[in-house]
Amino acid sequence: MMEVLPISLVNFNADSGYLEGLARGIKGGLLKQADYHVLVQCETLDDLKLHLHDTDYGEFLANEPGPLTVGIIEERIREKFVSEFRHIRNQAVYPLSLFLDYITYSYMIDNIVLLITGTLHGRPISELMTKCHPLGTFLEMETLNIATNPAELYNAVLVDTPLGIILIVAYIEDFYAFCKSLGGITAEVMCELLAFEADRRAFIITINSFGTELSNEDRSKLYPRCGKLNPEGLVQLAKANDYEQVKSVARYYSVSPF
């Protein structure tokens, strides 16, 4: 008797077959262990270029005019992955589309922190924009060029961009809840990663608060609450006043955030 497949599997190729093929192709193009064994023996960037010639990275390096530099290689590889990511995002539908959006939100937040921090140190917005990660760019970023001080930049970020809601509702917790709602392998893998990231940030927030005016109570409000430290470990971190107390919490929960 012929096995009757679930409707979801019957429609898989129509709905997700193209993206599945893209993802498998990109994964197949990643460097293998054997490639890394050869790369560690390269003595110059030209040696590296020669070895990568027969890989998926060979084309954009071969077309690069002038001598190679580490910065050029890094920039071209980033452009390659950003282009592939955006192509998949443009083809994706919910829930994959939202999952990929969450990945970009992290880069958006990092870009905004870079812009605000740089502005506080007197750096021009136009210069800082060139240092932003391309996955974290969005249309409204172009309007940030008119901001001339931190207050204007803050208002522009929270009022005029899609980041306001994400910053307010806590990006990590929201992403964690979304992945958990998906279930399956996505929840198993991503919740573990996001729980680690939540704990790592809790440690960083604690250590960076030492010697500042941030109170223990206010510090506690900044902790993401979806990691393995929640709740008792976060209570102990909130009380910590020196590095040894932080190390004690890390040892007790067998967490190595650094």
Foldseek 3Di string as FASTA:
>chain_A
DDDDDDPCVVCCCVAPVVVVVLVVVVVVQDDDPVLVVLVVVDDDVVSVLVSCCPGPLNPVVVPDPDDDDPVVSVVVVLVVVVVSLVVSLVSHDPPVVVLSVLVLLVLLVVLLVQQLVCQVVVHQSVVSVVVRRPSNDDPLSVVLNPDNHNVSSVCSPLPVDPNVVCVVVPSLLVSLVVQVVVDDPSNVPVLQVSQLVLVLVLLVLLVVCAPHPQALVNSLVPGDQSHPCPPVLSVQSSPDRDDVSSVVSCVVSVRDSD
